[in-house]
Amino acid sequence: MSDRIMLSRIAVYAYHGVFPEEERLGQRFYISLDCRLDLRPAGESDDWHRTASYDQLADIVVTVATGQRFHLIEALAERVAREILAGFPAIHEVSVRVEKPAAPIPTILDGVTIEIVRGRE
């Protein structure tokens, strides 16, 4: 299936990271979703009940990212993927990308990004 709903670079301010400064000061993160599901029923019926709500998807991202502190952005991505798959039975696979533009490492770079892909077992 090639149908997708994508939400790009949802910005959150949170306190994720290993270092005490990250917990104390916080920083901006960008989280993107790529959800795989069959969009034909929604497209043919023009009924928003037959798709995954973009608003609810974004709300899950913000709630997870700001509701708990994670040491690793990998753990943040795992929780987001788990919540999306649990909340939306029509989504059979989700890709979660977490960007950390101000990663505290002694190298000049635009940021660090991880991406995971999770599906139904």
PDB file of N, CA and C in Angstrom:
ATOM      1  N   MET A   1       0.856  -1.179   0.000  1.00  0.00           N
ATOM      2  CA  MET A   1       0.000   0.000   0.000  1.00  0.00           C
ATOM      3  C   MET A   1       0.900   1.238   0.000  1.00  0.00           C
ATOM      4  N   SER A   2       0.571   2.184  -0.856  1.00  0.00           N
ATOM      5  CA  SER A   2       1.406   3.379  -0.953  1.00  0.00           C
ATOM      6  C   SER A   2       0.711   4.641  -0.447  1.00  0.00           C
ATOM      7  N   ASP A   3      -0.488   4.514   0.126  1.00  0.00           N
ATOM      8  CA  ASP A   3      -1.186   5.693   0.640  1.00  0.00           C
ATOM      9  C   ASP A   3      -0.516   6.148   1.934  1.00  0.00           C
ATOM     10  N   ARG A   4      -0.425   7.475   2.084  1.00  0.00           N
ATOM     11  CA  ARG A   4       0.292   8.011   3.236  1.00  0.00           C
ATOM     12  C   ARG A   4      -0.346   9.296   3.726  1.00  0.00           C
ATOM     13  N   ILE A   5      -0.285   9.486   5.025  1.00  0.00           N
ATOM     14  CA  ILE A   5      -0.548  10.782   5.653  1.00  0.00           C
ATOM     15  C   ILE A   5       0.769  11.196   6.284  1.00  0.00           C
ATOM     16  N   MET A   6       1.225  12.391   5.938  1.00  0.00           N
ATOM     17  CA  MET A   6       2.502  12.873   6.460  1.00  0.00           C
ATOM     18  C   MET A   6       2.311  14.196   7.192  1.00  0.00           C
ATOM     19  N   LEU A   7       2.875  14.285   8.353  1.00  0.00           N
ATOM     20  CA  LEU A   7       2.916  15.536   9.112  1.00  0.00           C
ATOM     21  C   LEU A   7       4.388  15.899   9.239  1.00  0.00           C
ATOM     22  N   SER A   8       4.723  17.102   8.838  1.00  0.00           N
ATOM     23  CA  SER A   8       6.130  17.495   8.754  1.00  0.00           C
ATOM     24  C   SER A   8       6.540  18.475   9.839  1.00  0.00           C
ATOM     25  N   ARG A   9       7.584  18.125  10.547  1.00  0.00           N
ATOM     26  CA  ARG A   9       8.309  18.992  11.467  1.00  0.00           C
ATOM     27  C   ARG A   9       7.413  19.691  12.494  1.00  0.00           C
ATOM     28  N   ILE A  10       6.681  18.896  13.249  1.00  0.00           N
ATOM     29  CA  ILE A  10       5.915  19.433  14.371  1.00  0.00           C
ATOM     30  C   ILE A  10       6.937  19.897  15.404  1.00  0.00           C
ATOM     31  N   ALA A  11       6.899  21.169  15.753  1.00  0.00           N
ATOM     32  CA  ALA A  11       7.889  21.732  16.680  1.00  0.00           C
ATOM     33  C   ALA A  11       7.389  21.617  18.119  1.00  0.00           C
ATOM     34  N   VAL A  12       8.280  21.149  18.994  1.00  0.00           N
ATOM     35  CA  VAL A  12       7.977  21.101  20.423  1.00  0.00           C
ATOM     36  C   VAL A  12       9.207  21.591  21.184  1.00  0.00           C
ATOM     37  N   TYR A  13       8.955  22.174  22.332  1.00  0.00           N
ATOM     38  CA  TYR A  13      10.039  22.544  23.233  1.00  0.00           C
ATOM     39  C   TYR A  13       9.969  21.571  24.395  1.00  0.00           C
ATOM     40  N   ALA A  14      11.066  20.824  24.608  1.00  0.00           N
ATOM     41  CA  ALA A  14      11.044  19.776  25.617  1.00  0.00           C
ATOM     42  C   ALA A  14      12.427  19.633  26.252  1.00  0.00           C
ATOM     43  N   TYR A  15      12.542  18.683  27.156  1.00  0.00           N
ATOM     44  CA  TYR A  15      13.721  18.559  28.007  1.00  0.00           C
ATOM     45  C   TYR A  15      14.386  17.196  27.875  1.00  0.00           C
ATOM     46  N   HIS A  16      14.460  16.682  26.662  1.00  0.00           N
ATOM     47  CA  HIS A  16      15.028  15.365  26.416  1.00  0.00           C
ATOM     48  C   HIS A  16      16.538  15.452  26.259  1.00  0.00           C
ATOM     49  N   GLY A  17      17.206  14.409  26.712  1.00  0.00           N
ATOM     50  CA  GLY A  17      18.649  14.338  26.552  1.00  0.00           C
ATOM     51  C   GLY A  17      19.308  13.708  27.766  1.00  0.00           C
ATOM     52  N   VAL A  18      20.555  13.361  27.598  1.00  0.00           N
ATOM     53  CA  VAL A  18      21.325  12.681  28.635  1.00  0.00           C
ATOM     54  C   VAL A  18      21.916  13.668  29.636  1.00  0.00           C
ATOM     55  N   PHE A  19      22.264  14.853  29.184  1.00  0.00           N
ATOM     56  CA  PHE A  19      23.013  15.794  30.019  1.00  0.00           C
ATOM     57  C   PHE A  19      22.107  16.620  30.924  1.00  0.00           C
ATOM     58  N   PRO A  20      22.605  16.962  32.122  1.00  0.00           N
ATOM     59  CA  PRO A  20      21.812  17.781  33.057  1.00  0.00           C
ATOM     60  C   PRO A  20      21.372  19.120  32.458  1.00  0.00           C
ATOM     61  N   GLU A  21      22.189  19.712  31.609  1.00  0.00           N
ATOM     62  CA  GLU A  21      21.841  20.990  30.989  1.00  0.00           C
ATOM     63  C   GLU A  21      20.600  20.849  30.104  1.00  0.00           C
ATOM     64  N   GLU A  22      20.471  19.713  29.454  1.00  0.00           N
ATOM     65  CA  GLU A  22      19.310  19.488  28.592  1.00  0.00           C
ATOM     66  C   GLU A  22      18.038  19.372  29.428  1.00  0.00           C
ATOM     67  N   GLU A  23      18.155  18.777  30.590  1.00  0.00           N
ATOM     68  CA  GLU A  23      17.006  18.663  31.482  1.00  0.00           C
ATOM     69  C   GLU A  23      16.642  20.021  32.070  1.00  0.00           C
ATOM     70  N   ARG A  24      17.638  20.818  32.366  1.00  0.00           N
ATOM     71  CA  ARG A  24      17.405  22.121  32.995  1.00  0.00           C
ATOM     72  C   ARG A  24      16.951  23.177  31.992  1.00  0.00           C
ATOM     73  N   LEU A  25      17.595  23.237  30.840  1.00  0.00           N
ATOM     74  CA  LEU A  25      17.331  24.303  29.872  1.00  0.00           C
ATOM     75  C   LEU A  25      16.309  23.934  28.803  1.00  0.00           C
ATOM     76  N   GLY A  26      16.269  22.688  28.418  1.00  0.00           N
ATOM     77  CA  GLY A  26      15.388  22.270  27.335  1.00  0.00           C
ATOM     78  C   GLY A  26      15.878  22.752  25.980  1.00  0.00           C
ATOM     79  N   GLN A  27      15.164  22.364  24.947  1.00  0.00           N
ATOM     80  CA  GLN A  27      15.513  22.755  23.584  1.00  0.00           C
ATOM     81  C   GLN A  27      14.368  22.401  22.642  1.00  0.00           C
ATOM     82  N   ARG A  28      14.478  22.846  21.423  1.00  0.00           N
ATOM     83  CA  ARG A  28      13.475  22.582  20.399  1.00  0.00           C
ATOM     84  C   ARG A  28      13.759  21.235  19.726  1.00  0.00           C
ATOM     85  N   PHE A  29      12.678  20.540  19.420  1.00  0.00           N
ATOM     86  CA  PHE A  29      12.731  19.296  18.653  1.00  0.00           C
ATOM     87  C   PHE A  29      11.703  19.408  17.535  1.00  0.00           C
ATOM     88  N   TYR A  30      11.975  18.724  16.421  1.00  0.00           N
ATOM     89  CA  TYR A  30      11.022  18.633  15.325  1.00  0.00           C
ATOM     90  C   TYR A  30      10.691  17.157  15.112  1.00  0.00           C
ATOM     91  N   ILE A  31       9.400  16.848  15.053  1.00  0.00           N
ATOM     92  CA  ILE A  31       8.975  15.468  14.896  1.00  0.00           C
ATOM     93  C   ILE A  31       8.081  15.371  13.661  1.00  0.00           C
ATOM     94  N   SER A  32       8.409  14.431  12.788  1.00  0.00           N
ATOM     95  CA  SER A  32       7.648  14.217  11.558  1.00  0.00           C
ATOM     96  C   SER A  32       7.085  12.803  11.542  1.00  0.00           C
ATOM     97  N   LEU A  33       5.916  12.659  10.934  1.00  0.00           N
ATOM     98  CA  LEU A  33       5.259  11.362  10.814  1.00  0.00           C
ATOM     99  C   LEU A  33       5.009  11.031   9.354  1.00  0.00           C
ATOM    100  N   ASP A  34       5.108   9.768   9.043  1.00  0.00           N
ATOM    101  CA  ASP A  34       4.710   9.245   7.736  1.00  0.00           C
ATOM    102  C   ASP A  34       3.898   7.991   8.033  1.00  0.00           C
ATOM    103  N   CYS A  35       2.584   8.106   7.925  1.00  0.00           N
ATOM    104  CA  CYS A  35       1.665   7.030   8.289  1.00  0.00           C
ATOM    105  C   CYS A  35       1.165   6.322   7.033  1.00  0.00           C
ATOM    106  N   ARG A  36       1.230   5.006   7.038  1.00  0.00           N
ATOM    107  CA  ARG A  36       0.753   4.200   5.907  1.00  0.00           C
ATOM    108  C   ARG A  36      -0.610   3.609   6.242  1.00  0.00           C
ATOM    109  N   LEU A  37      -1.567   3.851   5.373  1.00  0.00           N
ATOM    110  CA  LEU A  37      -2.917   3.326   5.551  1.00  0.00           C
ATOM    111  C   LEU A  37      -3.654   3.411   4.227  1.00  0.00           C
ATOM    112  N   ASP A  38      -4.779   2.750   4.158  1.00  0.00           N
ATOM    113  CA  ASP A  38      -5.605   2.784   2.953  1.00  0.00           C
ATOM    114  C   ASP A  38      -6.482   4.026   2.990  1.00  0.00           C
ATOM    115  N   LEU A  39      -6.225   4.985   2.125  1.00  0.00           N
ATOM    116  CA  LEU A  39      -6.985   6.226   2.078  1.00  0.00           C
ATOM    117  C   LEU A  39      -8.164   6.173   1.098  1.00  0.00           C
ATOM    118  N   ARG A  40      -8.309   5.070   0.418  1.00  0.00           N
ATOM    119  CA  ARG A  40      -9.397   4.959  -0.571  1.00  0.00           C
ATOM    120  C   ARG A  40     -10.778   5.150   0.051  1.00  0.00           C
ATOM    121  N   PRO A  41     -11.095   4.504   1.187  1.00  0.00           N
ATOM    122  CA  PRO A  41     -12.434   4.703   1.756  1.00  0.00           C
ATOM    123  C   PRO A  41     -12.730   6.181   2.058  1.00  0.00           C
ATOM    124  N   ALA A  42     -11.770   6.901   2.586  1.00  0.00           N
ATOM    125  CA  ALA A  42     -11.978   8.330   2.864  1.00  0.00           C
ATOM    126  C   ALA A  42     -12.083   9.127   1.573  1.00  0.00           C
ATOM    127  N   GLY A  43     -11.223   8.824   0.621  1.00  0.00           N
ATOM    128  CA  GLY A  43     -11.237   9.551  -0.641  1.00  0.00           C
ATOM    129  C   GLY A  43     -12.509   9.350  -1.434  1.00  0.00           C
ATOM    130  N   GLU A  44     -13.022   8.123  -1.441  1.00  0.00           N
ATOM    131  CA  GLU A  44     -14.233   7.841  -2.204  1.00  0.00           C
ATOM    132  C   GLU A  44     -15.493   8.365  -1.527  1.00  0.00           C
ATOM    133  N   SER A  45     -15.480   8.409  -0.187  1.00  0.00           N
ATOM    134  CA  SER A  45     -16.681   8.830   0.530  1.00  0.00           C
ATOM    135  C   SER A  45     -16.654  10.296   0.948  1.00  0.00           C
ATOM    136  N   ASP A  46     -15.469  10.916   0.898  1.00  0.00           N
ATOM    137  CA  ASP A  46     -15.281  12.283   1.385  1.00  0.00           C
ATOM    138  C   ASP A  46     -15.737  12.411   2.847  1.00  0.00           C
ATOM    139  N   ASP A  47     -15.437  11.360   3.629  1.00  0.00           N
ATOM    140  CA  ASP A  47     -15.851  11.280   5.029  1.00  0.00           C
ATOM    141  C   ASP A  47     -14.609  11.247   5.907  1.00  0.00           C
ATOM    142  N   TRP A  48     -14.415  12.279   6.718  1.00  0.00           N
ATOM    143  CA  TRP A  48     -13.203  12.372   7.545  1.00  0.00           C
ATOM    144  C   TRP A  48     -13.152  11.290   8.616  1.00  0.00           C
ATOM    145  N   HIS A  49     -14.267  10.645   8.924  1.00  0.00           N
ATOM    146  CA  HIS A  49     -14.277   9.553   9.890  1.00  0.00           C
ATOM    147  C   HIS A  49     -13.573   8.309   9.353  1.00  0.00           C
ATOM    148  N   ARG A  50     -13.309   8.294   8.054  1.00  0.00           N
ATOM    149  CA  ARG A  50     -12.720   7.112   7.423  1.00  0.00           C
ATOM    150  C   ARG A  50     -11.230   7.287   7.141  1.00  0.00           C
ATOM    151  N   THR A  51     -10.622   8.259   7.817  1.00  0.00           N
ATOM    152  CA  THR A  51      -9.183   8.473   7.707  1.00  0.00           C
ATOM    153  C   THR A  51      -8.633   8.675   9.112  1.00  0.00           C
ATOM    154  N   ALA A  52      -7.374   8.963   9.216  1.00  0.00           N
ATOM    155  CA  ALA A  52      -6.759   9.274  10.516  1.00  0.00           C
ATOM    156  C   ALA A  52      -6.717  10.795  10.645  1.00  0.00           C
ATOM    157  N   SER A  53      -7.225  11.293  11.747  1.00  0.00           N
ATOM    158  CA  SER A  53      -7.302  12.739  11.977  1.00  0.00           C
ATOM    159  C   SER A  53      -5.914  13.348  12.114  1.00  0.00           C
ATOM    160  N   TYR A  54      -5.612  14.313  11.260  1.00  0.00           N
ATOM    161  CA  TYR A  54      -4.305  14.981  11.329  1.00  0.00           C
ATOM    162  C   TYR A  54      -4.134  15.667  12.674  1.00  0.00           C
ATOM    163  N   ASP A  55      -5.201  16.265  13.142  1.00  0.00           N
ATOM    164  CA  ASP A  55      -5.177  16.964  14.422  1.00  0.00           C
ATOM    165  C   ASP A  55      -4.858  16.006  15.567  1.00  0.00           C
ATOM    166  N   GLN A  56      -5.489  14.846  15.565  1.00  0.00           N
ATOM    167  CA  GLN A  56      -5.244  13.872  16.625  1.00  0.00           C
ATOM    168  C   GLN A  56      -3.839  13.292  16.540  1.00  0.00           C
ATOM    169  N   LEU A  57      -3.335  13.086  15.334  1.00  0.00           N
ATOM    170  CA  LEU A  57      -1.956  12.614  15.173  1.00  0.00           C
ATOM    171  C   LEU A  57      -0.978  13.631  15.752  1.00  0.00           C
ATOM    172  N   ALA A  58      -1.175  14.896  15.413  1.00  0.00           N
ATOM    173  CA  ALA A  58      -0.296  15.950  15.927  1.00  0.00           C
ATOM    174  C   ALA A  58      -0.402  16.051  17.445  1.00  0.00           C
ATOM    175  N   ASP A  59      -1.606  15.889  17.973  1.00  0.00           N
ATOM    176  CA  ASP A  59      -1.804  15.962  19.412  1.00  0.00           C
ATOM    177  C   ASP A  59      -1.043  14.851  20.132  1.00  0.00           C
ATOM    178  N   ILE A  60      -1.029  13.658  19.575  1.00  0.00           N
ATOM    179  CA  ILE A  60      -0.251  12.563  20.169  1.00  0.00           C
ATOM    180  C   ILE A  60       1.220  12.936  20.226  1.00  0.00           C
ATOM    181  N   VAL A  61       1.741  13.478  19.138  1.00  0.00           N
ATOM    182  CA  VAL A  61       3.153  13.870  19.108  1.00  0.00           C
ATOM    183  C   VAL A  61       3.452  14.880  20.207  1.00  0.00           C
ATOM    184  N   VAL A  62       2.660  15.929  20.297  1.00  0.00           N
ATOM    185  CA  VAL A  62       2.902  16.982  21.283  1.00  0.00           C
ATOM    186  C   VAL A  62       2.735  16.447  22.705  1.00  0.00           C
ATOM    187  N   THR A  63       1.711  15.669  22.927  1.00  0.00           N
ATOM    188  CA  THR A  63       1.469  15.125  24.271  1.00  0.00           C
ATOM    189  C   THR A  63       2.609  14.225  24.725  1.00  0.00           C
ATOM    190  N   VAL A  64       3.049  13.328  23.864  1.00  0.00           N
ATOM    191  CA  VAL A  64       4.150  12.428  24.228  1.00  0.00           C
ATOM    192  C   VAL A  64       5.441  13.208  24.412  1.00  0.00           C
ATOM    193  N   ALA A  65       5.739  14.116  23.489  1.00  0.00           N
ATOM    194  CA  ALA A  65       7.018  14.834  23.525  1.00  0.00           C
ATOM    195  C   ALA A  65       7.128  15.798  24.692  1.00  0.00           C
ATOM    196  N   THR A  66       6.004  16.315  25.169  1.00  0.00           N
ATOM    197  CA  THR A  66       6.066  17.291  26.264  1.00  0.00           C
ATOM    198  C   THR A  66       5.601  16.709  27.595  1.00  0.00           C
ATOM    199  N   GLY A  67       5.070  15.501  27.588  1.00  0.00           N
ATOM    200  CA  GLY A  67       4.522  14.931  28.809  1.00  0.00           C
ATOM    201  C   GLY A  67       5.466  14.078  29.614  1.00  0.00           C
ATOM    202  N   GLN A  68       6.594  13.716  29.044  1.00  0.00           N
ATOM    203  CA  GLN A  68       7.564  12.869  29.725  1.00  0.00           C
ATOM    204  C   GLN A  68       8.952  13.213  29.222  1.00  0.00           C
ATOM    205  N   ARG A  69       9.931  13.106  30.083  1.00  0.00           N
ATOM    206  CA  ARG A  69      11.322  13.340  29.672  1.00  0.00           C
ATOM    207  C   ARG A  69      11.942  12.025  29.243  1.00  0.00           C
ATOM    208  N   PHE A  70      12.605  12.047  28.094  1.00  0.00           N
ATOM    209  CA  PHE A  70      13.335  10.892  27.594  1.00  0.00           C
ATOM    210  C   PHE A  70      14.817  11.228  27.540  1.00  0.00           C
ATOM    211  N   HIS A  71      15.655  10.280  27.893  1.00  0.00           N
ATOM    212  CA  HIS A  71      17.090  10.485  27.730  1.00  0.00           C
ATOM    213  C   HIS A  71      17.480  10.405  26.253  1.00  0.00           C
ATOM    214  N   LEU A  72      16.815   9.526  25.528  1.00  0.00           N
ATOM    215  CA  LEU A  72      17.160   9.300  24.119  1.00  0.00           C
ATOM    216  C   LEU A  72      15.997   9.682  23.209  1.00  0.00           C
ATOM    217  N   ILE A  73      16.331  10.318  22.090  1.00  0.00           N
ATOM    218  CA  ILE A  73      15.274  10.627  21.131  1.00  0.00           C
ATOM    219  C   ILE A  73      14.763   9.346  20.471  1.00  0.00           C
ATOM    220  N   GLU A  74      15.549   8.291  20.507  1.00  0.00           N
ATOM    221  CA  GLU A  74      15.079   6.997  20.030  1.00  0.00           C
ATOM    222  C   GLU A  74      13.885   6.514  20.868  1.00  0.00           C
ATOM    223  N   ALA A  75      13.961   6.718  22.181  1.00  0.00           N
ATOM    224  CA  ALA A  75      12.862   6.322  23.072  1.00  0.00           C
ATOM    225  C   ALA A  75      11.630   7.190  22.835  1.00  0.00           C
ATOM    226  N   LEU A  76      11.840   8.463  22.590  1.00  0.00           N
ATOM    227  CA  LEU A  76      10.735   9.359  22.255  1.00  0.00           C
ATOM    228  C   LEU A  76      10.027   8.871  20.990  1.00  0.00           C
ATOM    229  N   ALA A  77      10.782   8.532  19.972  1.00  0.00           N
ATOM    230  CA  ALA A  77      10.202   8.047  18.713  1.00  0.00           C
ATOM    231  C   ALA A  77       9.439   6.746  18.925  1.00  0.00           C
ATOM    232  N   GLU A  78       9.988   5.845  19.718  1.00  0.00           N
ATOM    233  CA  GLU A  78       9.306   4.573  20.002  1.00  0.00           C
ATOM    234  C   GLU A  78       7.951   4.809  20.652  1.00  0.00           C
ATOM    235  N   ARG A  79       7.908   5.712  21.635  1.00  0.00           N
ATOM    236  CA  ARG A  79       6.644   5.975  22.328  1.00  0.00           C
ATOM    237  C   ARG A  79       5.623   6.594  21.381  1.00  0.00           C
ATOM    238  N   VAL A  80       6.067   7.539  20.541  1.00  0.00           N
ATOM    239  CA  VAL A  80       5.150   8.152  19.575  1.00  0.00           C
ATOM    240  C   VAL A  80       4.590   7.085  18.638  1.00  0.00           C
ATOM    241  N   ALA A  81       5.453   6.230  18.106  1.00  0.00           N
ATOM    242  CA  ALA A  81       5.002   5.173  17.188  1.00  0.00           C
ATOM    243  C   ALA A  81       4.005   4.248  17.875  1.00  0.00           C
ATOM    244  N   ARG A  82       4.296   3.863  19.106  1.00  0.00           N
ATOM    245  CA  ARG A  82       3.413   2.956  19.839  1.00  0.00           C
ATOM    246  C   ARG A  82       2.034   3.581  20.057  1.00  0.00           C
ATOM    247  N   GLU A  83       2.014   4.865  20.431  1.00  0.00           N
ATOM    248  CA  GLU A  83       0.732   5.549  20.681  1.00  0.00           C
ATOM    249  C   GLU A  83      -0.084   5.701  19.399  1.00  0.00           C
ATOM    250  N   ILE A  84       0.590   5.978  18.303  1.00  0.00           N
ATOM    251  CA  ILE A  84      -0.127   6.134  17.028  1.00  0.00           C
ATOM    252  C   ILE A  84      -0.718   4.809  16.567  1.00  0.00           C
ATOM    253  N   LEU A  85       0.067   3.745  16.642  1.00  0.00           N
ATOM    254  CA  LEU A  85      -0.455   2.440  16.231  1.00  0.00           C
ATOM    255  C   LEU A  85      -1.587   1.979  17.150  1.00  0.00           C
ATOM    256  N   ALA A  86      -1.496   2.302  18.436  1.00  0.00           N
ATOM    257  CA  ALA A  86      -2.562   1.927  19.377  1.00  0.00           C
ATOM    258  C   ALA A  86      -3.830   2.742  19.147  1.00  0.00           C
ATOM    259  N   GLY A  87      -3.676   3.988  18.772  1.00  0.00           N
ATOM    260  CA  GLY A  87      -4.829   4.877  18.642  1.00  0.00           C
ATOM    261  C   GLY A  87      -5.516   4.869  17.288  1.00  0.00           C
ATOM    262  N   PHE A  88      -4.857   4.342  16.281  1.00  0.00           N
ATOM    263  CA  PHE A  88      -5.394   4.381  14.923  1.00  0.00           C
ATOM    264  C   PHE A  88      -5.266   3.011  14.261  1.00  0.00           C
ATOM    265  N   PRO A  89      -6.251   2.149  14.421  1.00  0.00           N
ATOM    266  CA  PRO A  89      -6.184   0.803  13.838  1.00  0.00           C
ATOM    267  C   PRO A  89      -6.002   0.785  12.322  1.00  0.00           C
ATOM    268  N   ALA A  90      -6.436   1.834  11.627  1.00  0.00           N
ATOM    269  CA  ALA A  90      -6.301   1.870  10.165  1.00  0.00           C
ATOM    270  C   ALA A  90      -4.850   2.062   9.726  1.00  0.00           C
ATOM    271  N   ILE A  91      -4.018   2.621  10.580  1.00  0.00           N
ATOM    272  CA  ILE A  91      -2.609   2.830  10.229  1.00  0.00           C
ATOM    273  C   ILE A  91      -1.873   1.514  10.448  1.00  0.00           C
ATOM    274  N   HIS A  92      -1.270   0.999   9.382  1.00  0.00           N
ATOM    275  CA  HIS A  92      -0.576  -0.285   9.520  1.00  0.00           C
ATOM    276  C   HIS A  92       0.932  -0.124   9.659  1.00  0.00           C
ATOM    277  N   GLU A  93       1.439   1.072   9.371  1.00  0.00           N
ATOM    278  CA  GLU A  93       2.874   1.330   9.548  1.00  0.00           C
ATOM    279  C   GLU A  93       3.079   2.828   9.742  1.00  0.00           C
ATOM    280  N   VAL A  94       4.017   3.180  10.625  1.00  0.00           N
ATOM    281  CA  VAL A  94       4.316   4.589  10.847  1.00  0.00           C
ATOM    282  C   VAL A  94       5.831   4.773  10.911  1.00  0.00           C
ATOM    283  N   SER A  95       6.271   5.830  10.271  1.00  0.00           N
ATOM    284  CA  SER A  95       7.661   6.262  10.371  1.00  0.00           C
ATOM    285  C   SER A  95       7.668   7.525  11.226  1.00  0.00           C
ATOM    286  N   VAL A  96       8.533   7.537  12.232  1.00  0.00           N
ATOM    287  CA  VAL A  96       8.657   8.686  13.116  1.00  0.00           C
ATOM    288  C   VAL A  96      10.082   9.203  13.005  1.00  0.00           C
ATOM    289  N   ARG A  97      10.201  10.479  12.684  1.00  0.00           N
ATOM    290  CA  ARG A  97      11.515  11.129  12.574  1.00  0.00           C
ATOM    291  C   ARG A  97      11.594  12.199  13.649  1.00  0.00           C
ATOM    292  N   VAL A  98      12.675  12.155  14.436  1.00  0.00           N
ATOM    293  CA  VAL A  98      12.896  13.155  15.475  1.00  0.00           C
ATOM    294  C   VAL A  98      14.201  13.885  15.154  1.00  0.00           C
ATOM    295  N   GLU A  99      14.081  15.214  15.032  1.00  0.00           N
ATOM    296  CA  GLU A  99      15.240  16.058  14.769  1.00  0.00           C
ATOM    297  C   GLU A  99      15.608  16.819  16.042  1.00  0.00           C
ATOM    298  N   LYS A 100      16.889  16.818  16.356  1.00  0.00           N
ATOM    299  CA  LYS A 100      17.413  17.538  17.509  1.00  0.00           C
ATOM    300  C   LYS A 100      18.441  18.529  16.972  1.00  0.00           C
ATOM    301  N   PRO A 101      17.993  19.747  16.626  1.00  0.00           N
ATOM    302  CA  PRO A 101      18.895  20.689  15.955  1.00  0.00           C
ATOM    303  C   PRO A 101      20.011  21.234  16.842  1.00  0.00           C
ATOM    304  N   ALA A 102      19.842  21.211  18.148  1.00  0.00           N
ATOM    305  CA  ALA A 102      20.862  21.776  19.037  1.00  0.00           C
ATOM    306  C   ALA A 102      21.524  20.692  19.883  1.00  0.00           C
ATOM    307  N   ALA A 103      21.808  19.560  19.274  1.00  0.00           N
ATOM    308  CA  ALA A 103      22.455  18.471  20.020  1.00  0.00           C
ATOM    309  C   ALA A 103      23.775  18.971  20.606  1.00  0.00           C
ATOM    310  N   PRO A 104      24.005  18.743  21.912  1.00  0.00           N
ATOM    311  CA  PRO A 104      25.198  19.278  22.563  1.00  0.00           C
ATOM    312  C   PRO A 104      26.430  18.409  22.324  1.00  0.00           C
ATOM    313  N   ILE A 105      26.920  18.451  21.102  1.00  0.00           N
ATOM    314  CA  ILE A 105      28.145  17.720  20.777  1.00  0.00           C
ATOM    315  C   ILE A 105      29.143  18.708  20.185  1.00  0.00           C
ATOM    316  N   PRO A 106      30.424  18.473  20.403  1.00  0.00           N
ATOM    317  CA  PRO A 106      31.447  19.449  19.989  1.00  0.00           C
ATOM    318  C   PRO A 106      31.814  19.374  18.510  1.00  0.00           C
ATOM    319  N   THR A 107      30.805  19.471  17.663  1.00  0.00           N
ATOM    320  CA  THR A 107      30.992  19.445  16.219  1.00  0.00           C
ATOM    321  C   THR A 107      30.020  20.446  15.618  1.00  0.00           C
ATOM    322  N   ILE A 108      30.429  21.106  14.563  1.00  0.00           N
ATOM    323  CA  ILE A 108      29.528  22.026  13.877  1.00  0.00           C
ATOM    324  C   ILE A 108      28.667  21.205  12.917  1.00  0.00           C
ATOM    325  N   LEU A 109      27.350  21.202  13.182  1.00  0.00           N
ATOM    326  CA  LEU A 109      26.419  20.470  12.340  1.00  0.00           C
ATOM    327  C   LEU A 109      25.042  21.096  12.464  1.00  0.00           C
ATOM    328  N   ASP A 110      24.175  20.784  11.518  1.00  0.00           N
ATOM    329  CA  ASP A 110      22.816  21.317  11.533  1.00  0.00           C
ATOM    330  C   ASP A 110      21.931  20.636  12.567  1.00  0.00           C
ATOM    331  N   GLY A 111      22.290  19.452  12.986  1.00  0.00           N
ATOM    332  CA  GLY A 111      21.494  18.745  13.972  1.00  0.00           C
ATOM    333  C   GLY A 111      21.662  17.251  13.830  1.00  0.00           C
ATOM    334  N   VAL A 112      20.976  16.543  14.698  1.00  0.00           N
ATOM    335  CA  VAL A 112      20.974  15.083  14.702  1.00  0.00           C
ATOM    336  C   VAL A 112      19.539  14.636  14.462  1.00  0.00           C
ATOM    337  N   THR A 113      19.368  13.624  13.634  1.00  0.00           N
ATOM    338  CA  THR A 113      18.034  13.111  13.325  1.00  0.00           C
ATOM    339  C   THR A 113      18.051  11.593  13.427  1.00  0.00           C
ATOM    340  N   ILE A 114      16.992  11.053  14.031  1.00  0.00           N
ATOM    341  CA  ILE A 114      16.791   9.601  13.990  1.00  0.00           C
ATOM    342  C   ILE A 114      15.441   9.355  13.335  1.00  0.00           C
ATOM    343  N   GLU A 115      15.305   8.182  12.748  1.00  0.00           N
ATOM    344  CA  GLU A 115      14.044   7.790  12.141  1.00  0.00           C
ATOM    345  C   GLU A 115      13.816   6.321  12.409  1.00  0.00           C
ATOM    346  N   ILE A 116      12.607   5.992  12.851  1.00  0.00           N
ATOM    347  CA  ILE A 116      12.245   4.592  13.051  1.00  0.00           C
ATOM    348  C   ILE A 116      11.005   4.293  12.217  1.00  0.00           C
ATOM    349  N   VAL A 117      10.836   3.044  11.862  1.00  0.00           N
ATOM    350  CA  VAL A 117       9.648   2.575  11.152  1.00  0.00           C
ATOM    351  C   VAL A 117       9.077   1.417  11.954  1.00  0.00           C
ATOM    352  N   ARG A 118       7.816   1.537  12.323  1.00  0.00           N
ATOM    353  CA  ARG A 118       7.174   0.489  13.109  1.00  0.00           C
ATOM    354  C   ARG A 118       5.833   0.141  12.476  1.00  0.00           C
ATOM    355  N   GLY A 119       5.510  -1.145  12.512  1.00  0.00           N
ATOM    356  CA  GLY A 119       4.252  -1.620  11.960  1.00  0.00           C
ATOM    357  C   GLY A 119       3.576  -2.588  12.898  1.00  0.00           C
ATOM    358  N   ARG A 120       2.463  -3.049  12.473  1.00  0.00           N
ATOM    359  CA  ARG A 120       1.722  -4.030  13.273  1.00  0.00           C
ATOM    360  C   ARG A 120       2.388  -5.393  13.156  1.00  0.00           C
ATOM    361  N   GLU A 121       2.425  -6.077  14.253  1.00  0.00           N
ATOM    362  CA  GLU A 121       3.051  -7.427  14.280  1.00  0.00           C
ATOM    363  C   GLU A 121       2.163  -8.437  13.618  1.00  0.00           C
TER     364      GLU A 121
END
